[in-house]
């Protein structure tokens, strides 16, 4: 993951959570918590191992080349514990992707350089 993307997204906790619900995709606002935990508010409870994506994006108004973001693909359980398996990032007009290793601790995922 490019350092410019890491710096642009540092401290961003409000994300979009997309869940596969039957034949549809449901998108909800969420907040990153400690240890890959997502806070989505009351009401929504997905089954274990629900396919999911978490997206975060930061841009400067009117400057597409200043946009940076990250999409994490994986699964979420009924307690909203997210398990990422793939990362896709963008930095202006540059994009990249990588498979992720299973996290060994709740302190953070290991994103490739």
PDB file of N, CA and C in Angstrom:
ATOM      1  N   UNK A   1       0.864  -1.173   0.000  1.00  0.00           N
ATOM      2  CA  UNK A   1       0.000   0.000   0.000  1.00  0.00           C
ATOM      3  C   UNK A   1       0.903   1.226   0.000  1.00  0.00           C
ATOM      4  N   UNK A   2       0.735   2.104  -0.958  1.00  0.00           N
ATOM      5  CA  UNK A   2       1.592   3.287  -1.030  1.00  0.00           C
ATOM      6  C   UNK A   2       1.485   4.147   0.237  1.00  0.00           C
ATOM      7  N   UNK A   3       2.611   4.713   0.630  1.00  0.00           N
ATOM      8  CA  UNK A   3       2.621   5.550   1.836  1.00  0.00           C
ATOM      9  C   UNK A   3       1.712   6.762   1.687  1.00  0.00           C
ATOM     10  N   UNK A   4       1.533   7.275   0.461  1.00  0.00           N
ATOM     11  CA  UNK A   4       0.644   8.422   0.273  1.00  0.00           C
ATOM     12  C   UNK A   4      -0.803   8.059   0.604  1.00  0.00           C
ATOM     13  N   UNK A   5      -1.213   6.830   0.296  1.00  0.00           N
ATOM     14  CA  UNK A   5      -2.567   6.379   0.631  1.00  0.00           C
ATOM     15  C   UNK A   5      -2.678   6.194   2.144  1.00  0.00           C
ATOM     16  N   UNK A   6      -1.673   5.591   2.754  1.00  0.00           N
ATOM     17  CA  UNK A   6      -1.676   5.413   4.213  1.00  0.00           C
ATOM     18  C   UNK A   6      -1.823   6.750   4.918  1.00  0.00           C
ATOM     19  N   UNK A   7      -1.023   7.728   4.503  1.00  0.00           N
ATOM     20  CA  UNK A   7      -1.084   9.052   5.141  1.00  0.00           C
ATOM     21  C   UNK A   7      -2.434   9.724   4.907  1.00  0.00           C
ATOM     22  N   UNK A   8      -2.956   9.620   3.695  1.00  0.00           N
ATOM     23  CA  UNK A   8      -4.237  10.271   3.384  1.00  0.00           C
ATOM     24  C   UNK A   8      -5.387   9.710   4.209  1.00  0.00           C
ATOM     25  N   UNK A   9      -5.317   8.417   4.569  1.00  0.00           N
ATOM     26  CA  UNK A   9      -6.420   7.770   5.277  1.00  0.00           C
ATOM     27  C   UNK A   9      -6.189   7.644   6.780  1.00  0.00           C
ATOM     28  N   UNK A  10      -5.040   8.090   7.261  1.00  0.00           N
ATOM     29  CA  UNK A  10      -4.753   8.010   8.695  1.00  0.00           C
ATOM     30  C   UNK A  10      -5.826   8.745   9.490  1.00  0.00           C
ATOM     31  N   UNK A  11      -6.384   8.062  10.468  1.00  0.00           N
ATOM     32  CA  UNK A  11      -7.384   8.668  11.345  1.00  0.00           C
ATOM     33  C   UNK A  11      -8.807   8.638  10.826  1.00  0.00           C
ATOM     34  N   UNK A  12      -9.017   8.207   9.592  1.00  0.00           N
ATOM     35  CA  UNK A  12     -10.365   8.141   9.036  1.00  0.00           C
ATOM     36  C   UNK A  12     -11.063   6.906   9.615  1.00  0.00           C
ATOM     37  N   UNK A  13     -12.156   7.101  10.330  1.00  0.00           N
ATOM     38  CA  UNK A  13     -12.860   5.989  10.957  1.00  0.00           C
ATOM     39  C   UNK A  13     -14.244   5.759  10.363  1.00  0.00           C
ATOM     40  N   UNK A  14     -14.807   6.749   9.680  1.00  0.00           N
ATOM     41  CA  UNK A  14     -16.129   6.587   9.066  1.00  0.00           C
ATOM     42  C   UNK A  14     -15.953   5.948   7.697  1.00  0.00           C
ATOM     43  N   UNK A  15     -16.610   4.805   7.513  1.00  0.00           N
ATOM     44  CA  UNK A  15     -16.447   4.009   6.308  1.00  0.00           C
ATOM     45  C   UNK A  15     -17.812   3.595   5.772  1.00  0.00           C
ATOM     46  N   UNK A  16     -17.808   3.026   4.583  1.00  0.00           N
ATOM     47  CA  UNK A  16     -19.013   2.412   4.016  1.00  0.00           C
ATOM     48  C   UNK A  16     -18.841   0.905   4.087  1.00  0.00           C
ATOM     49  N   UNK A  17     -19.848   0.219   4.601  1.00  0.00           N
ATOM     50  CA  UNK A  17     -19.843  -1.235   4.710  1.00  0.00           C
ATOM     51  C   UNK A  17     -20.867  -1.790   3.735  1.00  0.00           C
ATOM     52  N   UNK A  18     -20.428  -2.637   2.817  1.00  0.00           N
ATOM     53  CA  UNK A  18     -21.323  -3.285   1.858  1.00  0.00           C
ATOM     54  C   UNK A  18     -21.421  -4.761   2.221  1.00  0.00           C
ATOM     55  N   UNK A  19     -22.653  -5.252   2.376  1.00  0.00           N
ATOM     56  CA  UNK A  19     -22.912  -6.647   2.733  1.00  0.00           C
ATOM     57  C   UNK A  19     -23.736  -7.322   1.654  1.00  0.00           C
ATOM     58  N   UNK A  20     -23.404  -8.561   1.351  1.00  0.00           N
ATOM     59  CA  UNK A  20     -24.226  -9.346   0.434  1.00  0.00           C
ATOM     60  C   UNK A  20     -25.407  -9.858   1.235  1.00  0.00           C
ATOM     61  N   UNK A  21     -26.620  -9.516   0.801  1.00  0.00           N
ATOM     62  CA  UNK A  21     -27.855  -9.918   1.479  1.00  0.00           C
ATOM     63  C   UNK A  21     -28.750 -10.606   0.459  1.00  0.00           C
ATOM     64  N   UNK A  22     -28.658 -11.931   0.373  1.00  0.00           N
ATOM     65  CA  UNK A  22     -29.412 -12.662  -0.640  1.00  0.00           C
ATOM     66  C   UNK A  22     -28.851 -12.349  -2.012  1.00  0.00           C
ATOM     67  N   UNK A  23     -29.709 -11.837  -2.905  1.00  0.00           N
ATOM     68  CA  UNK A  23     -29.282 -11.471  -4.253  1.00  0.00           C
ATOM     69  C   UNK A  23     -28.938  -9.996  -4.375  1.00  0.00           C
ATOM     70  N   UNK A  24     -28.926  -9.286  -3.243  1.00  0.00           N
ATOM     71  CA  UNK A  24     -28.716  -7.839  -3.275  1.00  0.00           C
ATOM     72  C   UNK A  24     -27.467  -7.444  -2.484  1.00  0.00           C
ATOM     73  N   UNK A  25     -27.070  -6.222  -2.680  1.00  0.00           N
ATOM     74  CA  UNK A  25     -25.963  -5.636  -1.944  1.00  0.00           C
ATOM     75  C   UNK A  25     -26.533  -4.512  -1.091  1.00  0.00           C
ATOM     76  N   UNK A  26     -26.312  -4.566   0.211  1.00  0.00           N
ATOM     77  CA  UNK A  26     -26.796  -3.526   1.125  1.00  0.00           C
ATOM     78  C   UNK A  26     -25.594  -2.731   1.624  1.00  0.00           C
ATOM     79  N   UNK A  27     -25.670  -1.408   1.522  1.00  0.00           N
ATOM     80  CA  UNK A  27     -24.571  -0.540   1.932  1.00  0.00           C
ATOM     81  C   UNK A  27     -25.014   0.267   3.150  1.00  0.00           C
ATOM     82  N   UNK A  28     -24.149   0.285   4.185  1.00  0.00           N
ATOM     83  CA  UNK A  28     -24.460   0.954   5.443  1.00  0.00           C
ATOM     84  C   UNK A  28     -23.275   1.799   5.878  1.00  0.00           C
ATOM     85  N   UNK A  29     -23.542   2.942   6.517  1.00  0.00           N
ATOM     86  CA  UNK A  29     -22.429   3.671   7.121  1.00  0.00           C
ATOM     87  C   UNK A  29     -21.938   2.891   8.337  1.00  0.00           C
ATOM     88  N   UNK A  30     -20.657   2.964   8.615  1.00  0.00           N
ATOM     89  CA  UNK A  30     -20.083   2.267   9.766  1.00  0.00           C
ATOM     90  C   UNK A  30     -18.891   3.061  10.287  1.00  0.00           C
ATOM     91  N   UNK A  31     -18.474   2.709  11.490  1.00  0.00           N
ATOM     92  CA  UNK A  31     -17.312   3.333  12.111  1.00  0.00           C
ATOM     93  C   UNK A  31     -16.352   2.230  12.517  1.00  0.00           C
ATOM     94  N   UNK A  32     -15.071   2.365  12.104  1.00  0.00           N
ATOM     95  CA  UNK A  32     -14.046   1.405  12.513  1.00  0.00           C
ATOM     96  C   UNK A  32     -13.857   1.481  14.010  1.00  0.00           C
ATOM     97  N   UNK A  33     -13.765   0.328  14.643  1.00  0.00           N
ATOM     98  CA  UNK A  33     -13.424   0.251  16.057  1.00  0.00           C
ATOM     99  C   UNK A  33     -12.122  -0.509  16.207  1.00  0.00           C
ATOM    100  N   UNK A  34     -11.792  -0.862  17.413  1.00  0.00           N
ATOM    101  CA  UNK A  34     -10.576  -1.609  17.701  1.00  0.00           C
ATOM    102  C   UNK A  34     -10.706  -3.049  17.222  1.00  0.00           C
ATOM    103  N   UNK A  35      -9.637  -3.587  16.680  1.00  0.00           N
ATOM    104  CA  UNK A  35      -9.597  -4.996  16.307  1.00  0.00           C
ATOM    105  C   UNK A  35     -10.532  -5.385  15.186  1.00  0.00           C
ATOM    106  N   UNK A  36     -10.623  -4.563  14.143  1.00  0.00           N
ATOM    107  CA  UNK A  36     -11.457  -4.840  12.970  1.00  0.00           C
ATOM    108  C   UNK A  36     -12.947  -4.866  13.273  1.00  0.00           C
ATOM    109  N   UNK A  37     -13.354  -4.330  14.398  1.00  0.00           N
ATOM    110  CA  UNK A  37     -14.767  -4.302  14.782  1.00  0.00           C
ATOM    111  C   UNK A  37     -15.412  -3.087  14.122  1.00  0.00           C
ATOM    112  N   UNK A  38     -16.611  -3.282  13.582  1.00  0.00           N
ATOM    113  CA  UNK A  38     -17.351  -2.203  12.940  1.00  0.00           C
ATOM    114  C   UNK A  38     -18.582  -1.872  13.770  1.00  0.00           C
ATOM    115  N   UNK A  39     -18.853  -0.590  13.955  1.00  0.00           N
ATOM    116  CA  UNK A  39     -20.060  -0.148  14.652  1.00  0.00           C
ATOM    117  C   UNK A  39     -21.025   0.357  13.595  1.00  0.00           C
ATOM    118  N   UNK A  40     -22.185  -0.320  13.481  1.00  0.00           N
ATOM    119  CA  UNK A  40     -23.163   0.057  12.459  1.00  0.00           C
ATOM    120  C   UNK A  40     -24.488   0.516  13.059  1.00  0.00           C
ATOM    121  N   UNK A  41     -24.569   0.594  14.364  1.00  0.00           N
ATOM    122  CA  UNK A  41     -25.823   0.985  14.992  1.00  0.00           C
ATOM    123  C   UNK A  41     -26.717  -0.219  15.213  1.00  0.00           C
ATOM    124  N   UNK A  42     -27.945   0.032  15.614  1.00  0.00           N
ATOM    125  CA  UNK A  42     -28.874  -1.044  15.971  1.00  0.00           C
ATOM    126  C   UNK A  42     -29.608  -1.593  14.746  1.00  0.00           C
ATOM    127  N   UNK A  43     -30.068  -2.827  14.886  1.00  0.00           N
ATOM    128  CA  UNK A  43     -30.966  -3.399  13.886  1.00  0.00           C
ATOM    129  C   UNK A  43     -30.364  -4.413  12.955  1.00  0.00           C
ATOM    130  N   UNK A  44     -29.221  -4.140  12.414  1.00  0.00           N
ATOM    131  CA  UNK A  44     -28.619  -5.010  11.411  1.00  0.00           C
ATOM    132  C   UNK A  44     -27.784  -6.096  12.083  1.00  0.00           C
ATOM    133  N   UNK A  45     -28.061  -7.373  11.775  1.00  0.00           N
ATOM    134  CA  UNK A  45     -27.266  -8.490  12.295  1.00  0.00           C
ATOM    135  C   UNK A  45     -27.048  -9.484  11.158  1.00  0.00           C
ATOM    136  N   UNK A  46     -25.844  -9.487  10.555  1.00  0.00           N
ATOM    137  CA  UNK A  46     -25.590 -10.419   9.451  1.00  0.00           C
ATOM    138  C   UNK A  46     -25.259 -11.819   9.970  1.00  0.00           C
ATOM    139  N   UNK A  47     -25.523 -12.836   9.182  1.00  0.00           N
ATOM    140  CA  UNK A  47     -25.084 -14.188   9.557  1.00  0.00           C
ATOM    141  C   UNK A  47     -23.554 -14.265   9.550  1.00  0.00           C
ATOM    142  N   UNK A  48     -23.019 -15.285  10.205  1.00  0.00           N
ATOM    143  CA  UNK A  48     -21.564 -15.480  10.227  1.00  0.00           C
ATOM    144  C   UNK A  48     -21.034 -15.648   8.804  1.00  0.00           C
ATOM    145  N   UNK A  49     -19.824 -15.162   8.579  1.00  0.00           N
ATOM    146  CA  UNK A  49     -19.114 -15.275   7.296  1.00  0.00           C
ATOM    147  C   UNK A  49     -19.859 -14.630   6.130  1.00  0.00           C
ATOM    148  N   UNK A  50     -20.576 -13.540   6.394  1.00  0.00           N
ATOM    149  CA  UNK A  50     -21.246 -12.801   5.325  1.00  0.00           C
ATOM    150  C   UNK A  50     -20.202 -12.076   4.477  1.00  0.00           C
ATOM    151  N   UNK A  51     -20.209 -12.281   3.148  1.00  0.00           N
ATOM    152  CA  UNK A  51     -19.285 -11.538   2.290  1.00  0.00           C
ATOM    153  C   UNK A  51     -19.509 -10.032   2.465  1.00  0.00           C
ATOM    154  N   UNK A  52     -18.400  -9.301   2.580  1.00  0.00           N
ATOM    155  CA  UNK A  52     -18.508  -7.865   2.850  1.00  0.00           C
ATOM    156  C   UNK A  52     -17.318  -7.111   2.272  1.00  0.00           C
ATOM    157  N   UNK A  53     -17.519  -5.813   2.081  1.00  0.00           N
ATOM    158  CA  UNK A  53     -16.453  -4.894   1.696  1.00  0.00           C
ATOM    159  C   UNK A  53     -16.544  -3.669   2.584  1.00  0.00           C
ATOM    160  N   UNK A  54     -15.399  -3.113   2.912  1.00  0.00           N
ATOM    161  CA  UNK A  54     -15.331  -1.858   3.653  1.00  0.00           C
ATOM    162  C   UNK A  54     -14.564  -0.883   2.770  1.00  0.00           C
ATOM    163  N   UNK A  55     -15.147   0.292   2.561  1.00  0.00           N
ATOM    164  CA  UNK A  55     -14.511   1.291   1.703  1.00  0.00           C
ATOM    165  C   UNK A  55     -14.334   2.604   2.443  1.00  0.00           C
ATOM    166  N   UNK A  56     -13.208   3.229   2.211  1.00  0.00           N
ATOM    167  CA  UNK A  56     -12.925   4.559   2.751  1.00  0.00           C
ATOM    168  C   UNK A  56     -12.245   5.354   1.647  1.00  0.00           C
ATOM    169  N   UNK A  57     -12.611   6.627   1.548  1.00  0.00           N
ATOM    170  CA  UNK A  57     -12.136   7.459   0.450  1.00  0.00           C
ATOM    171  C   UNK A  57     -11.920   8.870   0.970  1.00  0.00           C
ATOM    172  N   UNK A  58     -10.864   9.506   0.510  1.00  0.00           N
ATOM    173  CA  UNK A  58     -10.617  10.903   0.869  1.00  0.00           C
ATOM    174  C   UNK A  58     -10.238  11.638  -0.413  1.00  0.00           C
ATOM    175  N   UNK A  59     -10.877  12.781  -0.620  1.00  0.00           N
ATOM    176  CA  UNK A  59     -10.554  13.544  -1.819  1.00  0.00           C
ATOM    177  C   UNK A  59     -10.609  15.034  -1.526  1.00  0.00           C
ATOM    178  N   UNK A  60     -10.022  15.793  -2.438  1.00  0.00           N
ATOM    179  CA  UNK A  60     -10.065  17.245  -2.386  1.00  0.00           C
ATOM    180  C   UNK A  60     -11.058  17.685  -3.446  1.00  0.00           C
ATOM    181  N   UNK A  61     -12.023  18.501  -3.055  1.00  0.00           N
ATOM    182  CA  UNK A  61     -13.074  18.950  -3.982  1.00  0.00           C
ATOM    183  C   UNK A  61     -12.464  19.535  -5.257  1.00  0.00           C
ATOM    184  N   UNK A  62     -12.923  19.014  -6.392  1.00  0.00           N
ATOM    185  CA  UNK A  62     -12.471  19.519  -7.681  1.00  0.00           C
ATOM    186  C   UNK A  62     -11.114  19.009  -8.121  1.00  0.00           C
ATOM    187  N   UNK A  63     -10.497  18.140  -7.355  1.00  0.00           N
ATOM    188  CA  UNK A  63      -9.167  17.626  -7.679  1.00  0.00           C
ATOM    189  C   UNK A  63      -9.167  16.100  -7.728  1.00  0.00           C
ATOM    190  N   UNK A  64      -9.626  15.483  -8.821  1.00  0.00           N
ATOM    191  CA  UNK A  64      -9.634  14.016  -8.891  1.00  0.00           C
ATOM    192  C   UNK A  64      -8.265  13.387  -8.659  1.00  0.00           C
ATOM    193  N   UNK A  65      -7.202  14.072  -9.036  1.00  0.00           N
ATOM    194  CA  UNK A  65      -5.867  13.514  -8.850  1.00  0.00           C
ATOM    195  C   UNK A  65      -5.450  13.495  -7.380  1.00  0.00           C
ATOM    196  N   UNK A  66      -6.183  14.193  -6.507  1.00  0.00           N
ATOM    197  CA  UNK A  66      -5.861  14.211  -5.074  1.00  0.00           C
ATOM    198  C   UNK A  66      -6.665  13.167  -4.298  1.00  0.00           C
ATOM    199  N   UNK A  67      -7.479  12.386  -4.976  1.00  0.00           N
ATOM    200  CA  UNK A  67      -8.314  11.375  -4.325  1.00  0.00           C
ATOM    201  C   UNK A  67      -7.467  10.161  -3.937  1.00  0.00           C
ATOM    202  N   UNK A  68      -7.722   9.625  -2.742  1.00  0.00           N
ATOM    203  CA  UNK A  68      -7.047   8.410  -2.281  1.00  0.00           C
ATOM    204  C   UNK A  68      -8.067   7.569  -1.542  1.00  0.00           C
ATOM    205  N   UNK A  69      -7.950   6.253  -1.652  1.00  0.00           N
ATOM    206  CA  UNK A  69      -8.914   5.405  -0.964  1.00  0.00           C
ATOM    207  C   UNK A  69      -8.466   3.970  -0.866  1.00  0.00           C
ATOM    208  N   UNK A  70      -9.279   3.207  -0.136  1.00  0.00           N
ATOM    209  CA  UNK A  70      -8.991   1.811   0.127  1.00  0.00           C
ATOM    210  C   UNK A  70     -10.298   1.037   0.192  1.00  0.00           C
ATOM    211  N   UNK A  71     -10.333  -0.101  -0.473  1.00  0.00           N
ATOM    212  CA  UNK A  71     -11.467  -1.031  -0.406  1.00  0.00           C
ATOM    213  C   UNK A  71     -10.915  -2.351   0.110  1.00  0.00           C
ATOM    214  N   UNK A  72     -11.460  -2.821   1.230  1.00  0.00           N
ATOM    215  CA  UNK A  72     -11.069  -4.104   1.791  1.00  0.00           C
ATOM    216  C   UNK A  72     -12.190  -5.098   1.551  1.00  0.00           C
ATOM    217  N   UNK A  73     -11.865  -6.238   0.963  1.00  0.00           N
ATOM    218  CA  UNK A  73     -12.824  -7.310   0.730  1.00  0.00           C
ATOM    219  C   UNK A  73     -12.604  -8.389   1.774  1.00  0.00           C
ATOM    220  N   UNK A  74     -13.691  -9.008   2.226  1.00  0.00           N
ATOM    221  CA  UNK A  74     -13.566 -10.087   3.198  1.00  0.00           C
ATOM    222  C   UNK A  74     -14.922 -10.565   3.661  1.00  0.00           C
ATOM    223  N   UNK A  75     -14.999 -10.901   4.942  1.00  0.00           N
ATOM    224  CA  UNK A  75     -16.257 -11.356   5.536  1.00  0.00           C
ATOM    225  C   UNK A  75     -16.465 -10.654   6.874  1.00  0.00           C
ATOM    226  N   UNK A  76     -17.722 -10.649   7.302  1.00  0.00           N
ATOM    227  CA  UNK A  76     -18.074 -10.078   8.602  1.00  0.00           C
ATOM    228  C   UNK A  76     -18.958 -11.090   9.318  1.00  0.00           C
ATOM    229  N   UNK A  77     -18.842 -11.144  10.645  1.00  0.00           N
ATOM    230  CA  UNK A  77     -19.690 -12.070  11.405  1.00  0.00           C
ATOM    231  C   UNK A  77     -20.814 -11.306  12.097  1.00  0.00           C
ATOM    232  N   UNK A  78     -21.636 -12.008  12.871  1.00  0.00           N
ATOM    233  CA  UNK A  78     -22.804 -11.380  13.499  1.00  0.00           C
ATOM    234  C   UNK A  78     -22.426 -10.328  14.535  1.00  0.00           C
ATOM    235  N   UNK A  79     -21.183 -10.331  15.009  1.00  0.00           N
ATOM    236  CA  UNK A  79     -20.713  -9.305  15.940  1.00  0.00           C
ATOM    237  C   UNK A  79     -19.988  -8.178  15.231  1.00  0.00           C
ATOM    238  N   UNK A  80     -20.045  -8.160  13.905  1.00  0.00           N
ATOM    239  CA  UNK A  80     -19.398  -7.168  13.051  1.00  0.00           C
ATOM    240  C   UNK A  80     -17.884  -7.173  13.176  1.00  0.00           C
ATOM    241  N   UNK A  81     -17.337  -8.346  13.377  1.00  0.00           N
ATOM    242  CA  UNK A  81     -15.894  -8.528  13.316  1.00  0.00           C
ATOM    243  C   UNK A  81     -15.550  -8.741  11.844  1.00  0.00           C
ATOM    244  N   UNK A  82     -14.758  -7.853  11.279  1.00  0.00           N
ATOM    245  CA  UNK A  82     -14.414  -7.907   9.865  1.00  0.00           C
ATOM    246  C   UNK A  82     -13.121  -8.703   9.666  1.00  0.00           C
ATOM    247  N   UNK A  83     -13.111  -9.600   8.683  1.00  0.00           N
ATOM    248  CA  UNK A  83     -11.937 -10.396   8.354  1.00  0.00           C
ATOM    249  C   UNK A  83     -11.538 -10.085   6.903  1.00  0.00           C
ATOM    250  N   UNK A  84     -10.582  -9.175   6.720  1.00  0.00           N
ATOM    251  CA  UNK A  84     -10.177  -8.795   5.365  1.00  0.00           C
ATOM    252  C   UNK A  84      -9.346  -9.875   4.689  1.00  0.00           C
ATOM    253  N   UNK A  85      -9.519 -10.004   3.378  1.00  0.00           N
ATOM    254  CA  UNK A  85      -8.728 -10.965   2.617  1.00  0.00           C
ATOM    255  C   UNK A  85      -8.047 -10.342   1.398  1.00  0.00           C
ATOM    256  N   UNK A  86      -8.511  -9.177   0.974  1.00  0.00           N
ATOM    257  CA  UNK A  86      -7.938  -8.522  -0.209  1.00  0.00           C
ATOM    258  C   UNK A  86      -8.075  -7.012  -0.043  1.00  0.00           C
ATOM    259  N   UNK A  87      -7.086  -6.279  -0.544  1.00  0.00           N
ATOM    260  CA  UNK A  87      -7.110  -4.814  -0.515  1.00  0.00           C
ATOM    261  C   UNK A  87      -6.974  -4.262  -1.930  1.00  0.00           C
ATOM    262  N   UNK A  88      -7.752  -3.243  -2.216  1.00  0.00           N
ATOM    263  CA  UNK A  88      -7.637  -2.497  -3.468  1.00  0.00           C
ATOM    264  C   UNK A  88      -7.501  -1.029  -3.067  1.00  0.00           C
ATOM    265  N   UNK A  89      -6.518  -0.332  -3.602  1.00  0.00           N
ATOM    266  CA  UNK A  89      -6.326   1.063  -3.246  1.00  0.00           C
ATOM    267  C   UNK A  89      -6.181   1.911  -4.490  1.00  0.00           C
ATOM    268  N   UNK A  90      -6.411   3.206  -4.299  1.00  0.00           N
ATOM    269  CA  UNK A  90      -6.236   4.163  -5.380  1.00  0.00           C
ATOM    270  C   UNK A  90      -5.602   5.419  -4.811  1.00  0.00           C
ATOM    271  N   UNK A  91      -4.806   6.054  -5.634  1.00  0.00           N
ATOM    272  CA  UNK A  91      -4.106   7.286  -5.286  1.00  0.00           C
ATOM    273  C   UNK A  91      -4.062   8.118  -6.555  1.00  0.00           C
ATOM    274  N   UNK A  92      -4.996   9.054  -6.657  1.00  0.00           N
ATOM    275  CA  UNK A  92      -5.129   9.795  -7.901  1.00  0.00           C
ATOM    276  C   UNK A  92      -5.553   8.840  -9.005  1.00  0.00           C
ATOM    277  N   UNK A  93      -4.758   8.737 -10.041  1.00  0.00           N
ATOM    278  CA  UNK A  93      -5.082   7.850 -11.156  1.00  0.00           C
ATOM    279  C   UNK A  93      -4.356   6.511 -11.073  1.00  0.00           C
ATOM    280  N   UNK A  94      -3.587   6.293 -10.016  1.00  0.00           N
ATOM    281  CA  UNK A  94      -2.878   5.026  -9.819  1.00  0.00           C
ATOM    282  C   UNK A  94      -3.716   4.090  -8.960  1.00  0.00           C
ATOM    283  N   UNK A  95      -3.725   2.811  -9.306  1.00  0.00           N
ATOM    284  CA  UNK A  95      -4.469   1.817  -8.528  1.00  0.00           C
ATOM    285  C   UNK A  95      -3.586   0.587  -8.311  1.00  0.00           C
ATOM    286  N   UNK A  96      -3.942  -0.175  -7.281  1.00  0.00           N
ATOM    287  CA  UNK A  96      -3.228  -1.415  -7.013  1.00  0.00           C
ATOM    288  C   UNK A  96      -4.091  -2.327  -6.169  1.00  0.00           C
ATOM    289  N   UNK A  97      -3.678  -3.584  -6.054  1.00  0.00           N
ATOM    290  CA  UNK A  97      -4.419  -4.534  -5.225  1.00  0.00           C
ATOM    291  C   UNK A  97      -3.473  -5.608  -4.728  1.00  0.00           C
ATOM    292  N   UNK A  98      -3.875  -6.280  -3.644  1.00  0.00           N
ATOM    293  CA  UNK A  98      -3.060  -7.360  -3.078  1.00  0.00           C
ATOM    294  C   UNK A  98      -3.915  -8.236  -2.185  1.00  0.00           C
ATOM    295  N   UNK A  99      -3.552  -9.511  -2.128  1.00  0.00           N
ATOM    296  CA  UNK A  99      -4.157 -10.422  -1.158  1.00  0.00           C
ATOM    297  C   UNK A  99      -3.563 -10.090   0.205  1.00  0.00           C
ATOM    298  N   UNK A 100      -4.355 -10.283   1.277  1.00  0.00           N
ATOM    299  CA  UNK A 100      -3.888  -9.985   2.629  1.00  0.00           C
ATOM    300  C   UNK A 100      -3.694 -11.262   3.419  1.00  0.00           C
ATOM    301  N   UNK A 101      -2.749 -11.234   4.330  1.00  0.00           N
ATOM    302  CA  UNK A 101      -2.555 -12.343   5.255  1.00  0.00           C
ATOM    303  C   UNK A 101      -3.591 -12.255   6.363  1.00  0.00           C
ATOM    304  N   UNK A 102      -3.955 -13.402   6.919  1.00  0.00           N
ATOM    305  CA  UNK A 102      -4.868 -13.441   8.060  1.00  0.00           C
ATOM    306  C   UNK A 102      -4.225 -12.685   9.220  1.00  0.00           C
ATOM    307  N   UNK A 103      -4.940 -11.745   9.841  1.00  0.00           N
ATOM    308  CA  UNK A 103      -4.366 -10.998  10.967  1.00  0.00           C
ATOM    309  C   UNK A 103      -4.004 -11.944  12.111  1.00  0.00           C
ATOM    310  N   UNK A 104      -2.857 -11.677  12.735  1.00  0.00           N
ATOM    311  CA  UNK A 104      -2.436 -12.478  13.875  1.00  0.00           C
ATOM    312  C   UNK A 104      -2.775 -11.807  15.193  1.00  0.00           C
ATOM    313  N   UNK A 105      -3.202 -10.544  15.137  1.00  0.00           N
ATOM    314  CA  UNK A 105      -3.603  -9.831  16.343  1.00  0.00           C
ATOM    315  C   UNK A 105      -4.672  -8.821  15.981  1.00  0.00           C
ATOM    316  N   UNK A 106      -5.283  -8.257  16.995  1.00  0.00           N
ATOM    317  CA  UNK A 106      -6.338  -7.255  16.782  1.00  0.00           C
ATOM    318  C   UNK A 106      -5.770  -5.870  16.566  1.00  0.00           C
ATOM    319  N   UNK A 107      -4.441  -5.729  16.526  1.00  0.00           N
ATOM    320  CA  UNK A 107      -3.842  -4.406  16.437  1.00  0.00           C
ATOM    321  C   UNK A 107      -3.885  -3.827  15.034  1.00  0.00           C
ATOM    322  N   UNK A 108      -4.072  -4.659  14.018  1.00  0.00           N
ATOM    323  CA  UNK A 108      -4.143  -4.116  12.672  1.00  0.00           C
ATOM    324  C   UNK A 108      -3.833  -5.152  11.632  1.00  0.00           C
ATOM    325  N   UNK A 109      -4.254  -4.866  10.410  1.00  0.00           N
ATOM    326  CA  UNK A 109      -3.940  -5.768   9.314  1.00  0.00           C
ATOM    327  C   UNK A 109      -2.594  -5.369   8.727  1.00  0.00           C
ATOM    328  N   UNK A 110      -1.966  -6.302   8.066  1.00  0.00           N
ATOM    329  CA  UNK A 110      -0.688  -6.042   7.429  1.00  0.00           C
ATOM    330  C   UNK A 110      -0.966  -5.759   5.955  1.00  0.00           C
ATOM    331  N   UNK A 111      -0.801  -4.504   5.576  1.00  0.00           N
ATOM    332  CA  UNK A 111      -1.002  -4.115   4.191  1.00  0.00           C
ATOM    333  C   UNK A 111       0.348  -4.112   3.496  1.00  0.00           C
ATOM    334  N   UNK A 112       0.440  -4.731   2.334  1.00  0.00           N
ATOM    335  CA  UNK A 112       1.742  -4.791   1.644  1.00  0.00           C
ATOM    336  C   UNK A 112       2.188  -3.430   1.159  1.00  0.00           C
ATOM    337  N   UNK A 113       3.502  -3.217   1.109  1.00  0.00           N
ATOM    338  CA  UNK A 113       4.060  -1.966   0.568  1.00  0.00           C
ATOM    339  C   UNK A 113       4.122  -2.047  -0.933  1.00  0.00           C
TER     340      UNK A 113
END
